[in-house]
Amino acid sequence: MTEVLHVVAVVLTGLSAGLFATFSYVVMPGLRRADDATFVQTMRSINVAILNPVFAVVFGGAAVALVAALVATWSMDARPWLIVALLLYVAGAFVVTGAVNIPLNDALASGAGAPAPLRQSFEARWVLFNHVRAVLTVAAFASATIGLVV
């Protein structure tokens, strides 16, 4: 059962890391080419669409699975890797998202007026901190994976 929990933690962490990384190297570079109105409308639509049960299971489930794997493991070799994975994941997925990306999403959603100033107050900061959470969650995925093979 311990290995199953660890595999679930690795898979969910990898899916979450992949989402943030994909935004960094595909979605946001693609949207950079869009006009202001398209950019604002697309980000608003994405921020509504992402709030779904599958995302909730992946995003929250990764942290729960990392904790469960950590609690269940008897392997002293895997334990430090799981601790690092959990800390990196929480920092990237929860802290950065909650402190920066969600407030920016909320401001964009409630913002009124011309799209250009809305985009200007959103894009650069959101992209920067998405890169931060992508790096942290990919590192968490790597750490959890190493813990599985040690």
N, C-alpha and C. Protein backbone atom coordinates (compact mmCIF):
# COMPACT_ATOMS: atom_id res chain seq x y z
N MET A 1 0.83 -1.20 0.00
CA MET A 1 0.00 0.00 0.00
C MET A 1 0.87 1.26 0.00
N THR A 2 1.99 1.21 0.69
CA THR A 2 2.88 2.36 0.76
C THR A 2 3.36 2.76 -0.64
N GLU A 3 3.76 1.77 -1.44
CA GLU A 3 4.22 2.07 -2.79
C GLU A 3 3.10 2.65 -3.65
N VAL A 4 1.89 2.16 -3.48
CA VAL A 4 0.75 2.67 -4.24
C VAL A 4 0.52 4.15 -3.88
N LEU A 5 0.56 4.48 -2.61
CA LEU A 5 0.40 5.88 -2.19
C LEU A 5 1.51 6.75 -2.78
N HIS A 6 2.71 6.23 -2.78
CA HIS A 6 3.84 6.98 -3.31
C HIS A 6 3.68 7.20 -4.82
N VAL A 7 3.25 6.17 -5.53
CA VAL A 7 3.03 6.30 -6.97
C VAL A 7 1.92 7.32 -7.24
N VAL A 8 0.84 7.26 -6.48
CA VAL A 8 -0.25 8.24 -6.64
C VAL A 8 0.28 9.65 -6.39
N ALA A 9 1.10 9.81 -5.37
CA ALA A 9 1.68 11.13 -5.07
C ALA A 9 2.54 11.61 -6.24
N VAL A 10 3.35 10.73 -6.79
CA VAL A 10 4.20 11.10 -7.93
C VAL A 10 3.35 11.49 -9.14
N VAL A 11 2.34 10.70 -9.43
CA VAL A 11 1.50 10.98 -10.60
C VAL A 11 0.76 12.31 -10.44
N LEU A 12 0.13 12.52 -9.30
CA LEU A 12 -0.62 13.76 -9.09
C LEU A 12 0.30 14.98 -9.06
N THR A 13 1.46 14.84 -8.43
CA THR A 13 2.42 15.94 -8.41
C THR A 13 2.91 16.24 -9.83
N GLY A 14 3.17 15.19 -10.60
CA GLY A 14 3.60 15.37 -11.98
C GLY A 14 2.54 16.03 -12.85
N LEU A 15 1.29 15.65 -12.66
CA LEU A 15 0.21 16.28 -13.42
C LEU A 15 0.09 17.76 -13.09
N SER A 16 0.17 18.09 -11.82
CA SER A 16 0.08 19.49 -11.40
C SER A 16 1.28 20.28 -11.94
N ALA A 17 2.47 19.73 -11.79
CA ALA A 17 3.68 20.39 -12.29
C ALA A 17 3.58 20.58 -13.81
N GLY A 18 3.07 19.58 -14.48
CA GLY A 18 2.92 19.67 -15.93
C GLY A 18 1.97 20.77 -16.35
N LEU A 19 0.91 20.96 -15.59
CA LEU A 19 -0.03 22.04 -15.89
C LEU A 19 0.65 23.40 -15.79
N PHE A 20 1.34 23.64 -14.68
CA PHE A 20 2.01 24.93 -14.51
C PHE A 20 3.10 25.12 -15.55
N ALA A 21 3.86 24.07 -15.83
CA ALA A 21 4.92 24.17 -16.83
C ALA A 21 4.33 24.44 -18.21
N THR A 22 3.23 23.80 -18.54
CA THR A 22 2.59 24.02 -19.85
C THR A 22 2.15 25.47 -20.01
N PHE A 23 1.64 26.05 -18.95
CA PHE A 23 1.31 27.48 -19.01
C PHE A 23 2.56 28.30 -19.29
N SER A 24 3.69 27.91 -18.71
CA SER A 24 4.93 28.67 -18.90
C SER A 24 5.48 28.58 -20.32
N TYR A 25 5.44 27.40 -20.92
CA TYR A 25 6.11 27.28 -22.21
C TYR A 25 5.19 27.14 -23.40
N VAL A 26 3.85 27.13 -23.17
CA VAL A 26 2.92 27.04 -24.30
C VAL A 26 1.81 28.08 -24.21
N VAL A 27 1.03 28.02 -23.15
CA VAL A 27 -0.18 28.84 -23.07
C VAL A 27 0.14 30.33 -23.05
N MET A 28 0.95 30.76 -22.12
CA MET A 28 1.22 32.19 -22.00
C MET A 28 2.03 32.74 -23.19
N PRO A 29 3.03 32.00 -23.71
CA PRO A 29 3.67 32.49 -24.93
C PRO A 29 2.69 32.59 -26.11
N GLY A 30 1.74 31.68 -26.19
CA GLY A 30 0.72 31.76 -27.23
C GLY A 30 -0.17 32.97 -27.04
N LEU A 31 -0.59 33.21 -25.81
CA LEU A 31 -1.45 34.36 -25.52
C LEU A 31 -0.71 35.68 -25.67
N ARG A 32 0.60 35.66 -25.50
CA ARG A 32 1.39 36.89 -25.68
C ARG A 32 1.17 37.47 -27.08
N ARG A 33 0.87 36.59 -28.04
CA ARG A 33 0.66 37.01 -29.43
C ARG A 33 -0.75 37.54 -29.69
N ALA A 34 -1.64 37.38 -28.72
CA ALA A 34 -3.03 37.79 -28.89
C ALA A 34 -3.20 39.28 -28.59
N ASP A 35 -4.23 39.86 -29.15
CA ASP A 35 -4.54 41.25 -28.83
C ASP A 35 -5.06 41.32 -27.39
N ASP A 36 -5.13 42.52 -26.85
CA ASP A 36 -5.48 42.71 -25.45
C ASP A 36 -6.85 42.14 -25.09
N ALA A 37 -7.84 42.40 -25.90
CA ALA A 37 -9.20 41.92 -25.61
C ALA A 37 -9.25 40.39 -25.60
N THR A 38 -8.59 39.78 -26.56
CA THR A 38 -8.55 38.31 -26.63
C THR A 38 -7.82 37.75 -25.42
N PHE A 39 -6.70 38.36 -25.07
CA PHE A 39 -5.93 37.92 -23.91
C PHE A 39 -6.79 37.95 -22.65
N VAL A 40 -7.42 39.08 -22.38
CA VAL A 40 -8.22 39.24 -21.16
C VAL A 40 -9.37 38.24 -21.15
N GLN A 41 -10.10 38.13 -22.25
CA GLN A 41 -11.23 37.21 -22.30
C GLN A 41 -10.79 35.76 -22.13
N THR A 42 -9.68 35.40 -22.77
CA THR A 42 -9.18 34.02 -22.67
C THR A 42 -8.76 33.69 -21.25
N MET A 43 -8.00 34.58 -20.62
CA MET A 43 -7.58 34.31 -19.24
C MET A 43 -8.78 34.24 -18.30
N ARG A 44 -9.77 35.10 -18.51
CA ARG A 44 -10.98 35.03 -17.69
C ARG A 44 -11.66 33.67 -17.88
N SER A 45 -11.75 33.22 -19.11
CA SER A 45 -12.38 31.93 -19.40
C SER A 45 -11.60 30.77 -18.79
N ILE A 46 -10.28 30.81 -18.91
CA ILE A 46 -9.44 29.76 -18.33
C ILE A 46 -9.61 29.73 -16.82
N ASN A 47 -9.64 30.89 -16.19
CA ASN A 47 -9.74 30.95 -14.74
C ASN A 47 -11.09 30.46 -14.22
N VAL A 48 -12.11 30.50 -15.04
CA VAL A 48 -13.40 29.90 -14.68
C VAL A 48 -13.36 28.39 -14.95
N ALA A 49 -12.87 28.02 -16.12
CA ALA A 49 -12.87 26.61 -16.52
C ALA A 49 -12.01 25.73 -15.63
N ILE A 50 -10.93 26.29 -15.08
CA ILE A 50 -10.00 25.47 -14.29
C ILE A 50 -10.60 25.05 -12.95
N LEU A 51 -11.62 25.75 -12.51
CA LEU A 51 -12.26 25.39 -11.24
C LEU A 51 -13.24 24.25 -11.48
N ASN A 52 -12.69 23.05 -11.57
CA ASN A 52 -13.49 21.87 -11.84
C ASN A 52 -12.99 20.71 -10.97
N PRO A 53 -13.77 19.64 -10.86
CA PRO A 53 -13.39 18.53 -9.98
C PRO A 53 -12.06 17.85 -10.34
N VAL A 54 -11.77 17.73 -11.61
CA VAL A 54 -10.51 17.08 -12.00
C VAL A 54 -9.32 17.91 -11.52
N PHE A 55 -9.38 19.21 -11.76
CA PHE A 55 -8.30 20.08 -11.28
C PHE A 55 -8.20 20.01 -9.75
N ALA A 56 -9.33 20.01 -9.06
CA ALA A 56 -9.31 19.95 -7.59
C ALA A 56 -8.62 18.68 -7.10
N VAL A 57 -8.93 17.56 -7.73
CA VAL A 57 -8.30 16.28 -7.33
C VAL A 57 -6.80 16.32 -7.59
N VAL A 58 -6.40 16.82 -8.74
CA VAL A 58 -4.97 16.88 -9.07
C VAL A 58 -4.25 17.86 -8.15
N PHE A 59 -4.76 19.08 -8.07
CA PHE A 59 -4.10 20.15 -7.32
C PHE A 59 -4.03 19.83 -5.82
N GLY A 60 -5.17 19.56 -5.22
CA GLY A 60 -5.21 19.25 -3.79
C GLY A 60 -4.76 17.83 -3.48
N GLY A 61 -5.10 16.93 -4.38
CA GLY A 61 -4.76 15.52 -4.17
C GLY A 61 -3.28 15.26 -4.12
N ALA A 62 -2.51 16.03 -4.86
CA ALA A 62 -1.05 15.85 -4.83
C ALA A 62 -0.52 16.07 -3.42
N ALA A 63 -0.96 17.14 -2.78
CA ALA A 63 -0.49 17.42 -1.40
C ALA A 63 -0.96 16.34 -0.44
N VAL A 64 -2.21 15.94 -0.56
CA VAL A 64 -2.76 14.89 0.31
C VAL A 64 -2.01 13.58 0.09
N ALA A 65 -1.76 13.24 -1.16
CA ALA A 65 -1.05 11.99 -1.46
C ALA A 65 0.40 12.04 -0.98
N LEU A 66 1.05 13.20 -1.09
CA LEU A 66 2.42 13.32 -0.58
C LEU A 66 2.44 13.13 0.94
N VAL A 67 1.50 13.72 1.64
CA VAL A 67 1.41 13.54 3.10
C VAL A 67 1.14 12.06 3.43
N ALA A 68 0.18 11.46 2.73
CA ALA A 68 -0.16 10.06 2.98
C ALA A 68 1.03 9.14 2.71
N ALA A 69 1.75 9.39 1.63
CA ALA A 69 2.93 8.58 1.32
C ALA A 69 4.01 8.76 2.38
N LEU A 70 4.17 9.98 2.84
CA LEU A 70 5.16 10.26 3.87
C LEU A 70 4.81 9.56 5.18
N VAL A 71 3.56 9.62 5.57
CA VAL A 71 3.12 8.98 6.80
C VAL A 71 3.23 7.46 6.70
N ALA A 72 2.91 6.92 5.53
CA ALA A 72 2.86 5.47 5.36
C ALA A 72 4.23 4.83 5.12
N THR A 73 5.20 5.59 4.67
CA THR A 73 6.47 4.98 4.28
C THR A 73 7.29 4.52 5.48
N TRP A 74 7.87 3.36 5.31
CA TRP A 74 8.80 2.84 6.31
C TRP A 74 10.23 3.05 5.84
N SER A 75 10.38 3.47 4.61
CA SER A 75 11.70 3.62 4.02
C SER A 75 12.36 4.93 4.46
N MET A 76 13.42 4.79 5.21
CA MET A 76 14.16 5.98 5.63
C MET A 76 14.87 6.63 4.43
N ASP A 77 15.10 5.86 3.36
CA ASP A 77 15.71 6.42 2.16
C ASP A 77 14.72 7.32 1.42
N ALA A 78 13.45 6.96 1.39
CA ALA A 78 12.43 7.72 0.67
C ALA A 78 11.95 8.94 1.45
N ARG A 79 11.97 8.84 2.76
CA ARG A 79 11.38 9.88 3.62
C ARG A 79 11.91 11.30 3.34
N PRO A 80 13.23 11.53 3.28
CA PRO A 80 13.71 12.89 3.02
C PRO A 80 13.25 13.44 1.66
N TRP A 81 13.17 12.56 0.66
CA TRP A 81 12.74 12.98 -0.66
C TRP A 81 11.26 13.39 -0.64
N LEU A 82 10.47 12.66 0.12
CA LEU A 82 9.04 13.00 0.23
C LEU A 82 8.84 14.30 1.01
N ILE A 83 9.65 14.50 2.03
CA ILE A 83 9.56 15.75 2.80
C ILE A 83 9.88 16.95 1.90
N VAL A 84 10.97 16.83 1.14
CA VAL A 84 11.35 17.91 0.22
C VAL A 84 10.26 18.11 -0.83
N ALA A 85 9.73 17.02 -1.37
CA ALA A 85 8.67 17.12 -2.38
C ALA A 85 7.45 17.84 -1.81
N LEU A 86 7.06 17.49 -0.61
CA LEU A 86 5.90 18.13 0.01
C LEU A 86 6.14 19.62 0.23
N LEU A 87 7.30 19.97 0.76
CA LEU A 87 7.61 21.39 1.00
C LEU A 87 7.65 22.19 -0.30
N LEU A 88 8.29 21.64 -1.32
CA LEU A 88 8.35 22.33 -2.61
C LEU A 88 6.96 22.46 -3.23
N TYR A 89 6.18 21.39 -3.14
CA TYR A 89 4.83 21.42 -3.73
C TYR A 89 3.95 22.46 -3.03
N VAL A 90 3.96 22.44 -1.71
CA VAL A 90 3.14 23.40 -0.97
C VAL A 90 3.59 24.83 -1.29
N ALA A 91 4.90 25.06 -1.32
CA ALA A 91 5.41 26.41 -1.63
C ALA A 91 4.98 26.84 -3.03
N GLY A 92 5.12 25.96 -3.99
CA GLY A 92 4.80 26.32 -5.37
C GLY A 92 3.32 26.35 -5.66
N ALA A 93 2.65 25.27 -5.33
CA ALA A 93 1.24 25.17 -5.70
C ALA A 93 0.34 26.01 -4.82
N PHE A 94 0.53 25.96 -3.52
CA PHE A 94 -0.40 26.64 -2.62
C PHE A 94 0.04 28.06 -2.27
N VAL A 95 1.27 28.24 -1.87
CA VAL A 95 1.70 29.56 -1.41
C VAL A 95 1.74 30.55 -2.58
N VAL A 96 2.45 30.21 -3.65
CA VAL A 96 2.55 31.13 -4.78
C VAL A 96 1.18 31.35 -5.42
N THR A 97 0.45 30.28 -5.64
CA THR A 97 -0.87 30.42 -6.26
C THR A 97 -1.79 31.28 -5.39
N GLY A 98 -1.81 31.00 -4.10
CA GLY A 98 -2.70 31.74 -3.20
C GLY A 98 -2.28 33.17 -2.96
N ALA A 99 -0.98 33.42 -2.93
CA ALA A 99 -0.49 34.77 -2.62
C ALA A 99 -0.44 35.67 -3.85
N VAL A 100 -0.24 35.09 -5.03
CA VAL A 100 -0.03 35.93 -6.21
C VAL A 100 -1.04 35.63 -7.32
N ASN A 101 -1.07 34.40 -7.82
CA ASN A 101 -1.84 34.12 -9.02
C ASN A 101 -3.35 34.27 -8.82
N ILE A 102 -3.89 33.77 -7.71
CA ILE A 102 -5.33 33.91 -7.48
C ILE A 102 -5.74 35.37 -7.30
N PRO A 103 -5.03 36.17 -6.50
CA PRO A 103 -5.42 37.58 -6.43
C PRO A 103 -5.36 38.29 -7.80
N LEU A 104 -4.37 37.95 -8.61
CA LEU A 104 -4.32 38.53 -9.96
C LEU A 104 -5.49 38.06 -10.81
N ASN A 105 -5.83 36.77 -10.71
CA ASN A 105 -6.99 36.24 -11.43
C ASN A 105 -8.27 36.97 -11.00
N ASP A 106 -8.43 37.15 -9.70
CA ASP A 106 -9.61 37.83 -9.17
C ASP A 106 -9.69 39.27 -9.65
N ALA A 107 -8.56 39.95 -9.64
CA ALA A 107 -8.54 41.34 -10.11
C ALA A 107 -8.88 41.41 -11.60
N LEU A 108 -8.38 40.46 -12.37
CA LEU A 108 -8.69 40.44 -13.80
C LEU A 108 -10.18 40.16 -14.01
N ALA A 109 -10.72 39.23 -13.23
CA ALA A 109 -12.13 38.88 -13.37
C ALA A 109 -13.05 40.05 -13.04
N SER A 110 -12.71 40.82 -12.03
CA SER A 110 -13.57 41.92 -11.60
C SER A 110 -13.21 43.25 -12.24
N GLY A 111 -12.13 43.28 -12.99
CA GLY A 111 -11.67 44.52 -13.60
C GLY A 111 -12.62 45.01 -14.67
N ALA A 112 -12.77 46.30 -14.71
CA ALA A 112 -13.61 46.92 -15.72
C ALA A 112 -12.76 47.90 -16.52
N GLY A 113 -13.24 48.21 -17.68
CA GLY A 113 -12.54 49.18 -18.49
C GLY A 113 -11.87 48.54 -19.69
N ALA A 114 -10.99 49.27 -20.28
CA ALA A 114 -10.30 48.83 -21.49
C ALA A 114 -9.41 47.63 -21.19
N PRO A 115 -9.31 46.70 -22.14
CA PRO A 115 -8.49 45.49 -21.92
C PRO A 115 -7.00 45.77 -21.76
N ALA A 116 -6.46 46.79 -22.41
CA ALA A 116 -5.01 47.04 -22.36
C ALA A 116 -4.50 47.28 -20.95
N PRO A 117 -5.13 48.17 -20.16
CA PRO A 117 -4.64 48.35 -18.80
C PRO A 117 -4.87 47.12 -17.91
N LEU A 118 -5.95 46.40 -18.16
CA LEU A 118 -6.19 45.16 -17.40
C LEU A 118 -5.07 44.17 -17.65
N ARG A 119 -4.73 44.01 -18.91
CA ARG A 119 -3.66 43.09 -19.27
C ARG A 119 -2.33 43.55 -18.68
N GLN A 120 -2.07 44.84 -18.78
CA GLN A 120 -0.80 45.38 -18.30
C GLN A 120 -0.62 45.16 -16.80
N SER A 121 -1.69 45.23 -16.04
CA SER A 121 -1.59 45.04 -14.59
C SER A 121 -1.57 43.56 -14.20
N PHE A 122 -1.75 42.67 -15.16
CA PHE A 122 -1.88 41.24 -14.89
C PHE A 122 -0.72 40.42 -15.45
N GLU A 123 -0.46 40.56 -16.72
CA GLU A 123 0.34 39.58 -17.46
C GLU A 123 1.75 39.34 -16.93
N ALA A 124 2.56 40.34 -16.82
CA ALA A 124 3.97 40.14 -16.47
C ALA A 124 4.12 39.49 -15.09
N ARG A 125 3.39 39.98 -14.12
CA ARG A 125 3.49 39.42 -12.76
C ARG A 125 2.95 38.00 -12.71
N TRP A 126 1.81 37.75 -13.36
CA TRP A 126 1.21 36.42 -13.37
C TRP A 126 2.17 35.42 -14.01
N VAL A 127 2.75 35.79 -15.16
CA VAL A 127 3.67 34.91 -15.87
C VAL A 127 4.91 34.62 -15.02
N LEU A 128 5.48 35.65 -14.42
CA LEU A 128 6.67 35.46 -13.58
C LEU A 128 6.39 34.47 -12.46
N PHE A 129 5.30 34.66 -11.76
CA PHE A 129 5.02 33.78 -10.64
C PHE A 129 4.52 32.41 -11.08
N ASN A 130 3.97 32.31 -12.27
CA ASN A 130 3.68 30.98 -12.80
C ASN A 130 4.98 30.23 -13.06
N HIS A 131 6.00 30.93 -13.57
CA HIS A 131 7.30 30.29 -13.76
C HIS A 131 7.84 29.79 -12.42
N VAL A 132 7.68 30.60 -11.38
CA VAL A 132 8.15 30.20 -10.05
C VAL A 132 7.43 28.94 -9.59
N ARG A 133 6.11 28.91 -9.71
CA ARG A 133 5.39 27.73 -9.24
C ARG A 133 5.66 26.53 -10.14
N ALA A 134 5.92 26.75 -11.43
CA ALA A 134 6.28 25.65 -12.31
C ALA A 134 7.61 25.03 -11.87
N VAL A 135 8.60 25.85 -11.61
CA VAL A 135 9.91 25.34 -11.17
C VAL A 135 9.78 24.59 -9.85
N LEU A 136 9.06 25.17 -8.90
CA LEU A 136 8.92 24.52 -7.59
C LEU A 136 8.16 23.20 -7.68
N THR A 137 7.09 23.15 -8.46
CA THR A 137 6.32 21.90 -8.54
C THR A 137 7.03 20.84 -9.39
N VAL A 138 7.78 21.26 -10.40
CA VAL A 138 8.58 20.29 -11.15
C VAL A 138 9.68 19.71 -10.24
N ALA A 139 10.28 20.56 -9.42
CA ALA A 139 11.27 20.07 -8.46
C ALA A 139 10.62 19.12 -7.45
N ALA A 140 9.40 19.42 -7.04
CA ALA A 140 8.67 18.53 -6.13
C ALA A 140 8.42 17.17 -6.81
N PHE A 141 8.03 17.21 -8.06
CA PHE A 141 7.81 15.98 -8.83
C PHE A 141 9.10 15.17 -8.91
N ALA A 142 10.21 15.84 -9.20
CA ALA A 142 11.50 15.14 -9.29
C ALA A 142 11.87 14.52 -7.96
N SER A 143 11.68 15.28 -6.89
CA SER A 143 12.02 14.77 -5.55
C SER A 143 11.15 13.56 -5.18
N ALA A 144 9.87 13.65 -5.44
CA ALA A 144 8.97 12.52 -5.14
C ALA A 144 9.35 11.30 -5.98
N THR A 145 9.73 11.53 -7.22
CA THR A 145 10.13 10.44 -8.10
C THR A 145 11.42 9.78 -7.60
N ILE A 146 12.39 10.60 -7.21
CA ILE A 146 13.64 10.05 -6.67
C ILE A 146 13.33 9.21 -5.41
N GLY A 147 12.44 9.72 -4.57
CA GLY A 147 12.06 8.97 -3.38
C GLY A 147 11.45 7.62 -3.69
N LEU A 148 10.81 7.52 -4.83
CA LEU A 148 10.21 6.25 -5.23
C LEU A 148 11.24 5.24 -5.67
N VAL A 149 12.35 5.69 -6.21
CA VAL A 149 13.35 4.76 -6.76
C VAL A 149 14.53 4.51 -5.85
N VAL A 150 14.65 5.25 -4.73
CA VAL A 150 15.79 5.01 -3.84
C VAL A 150 15.53 3.81 -2.95
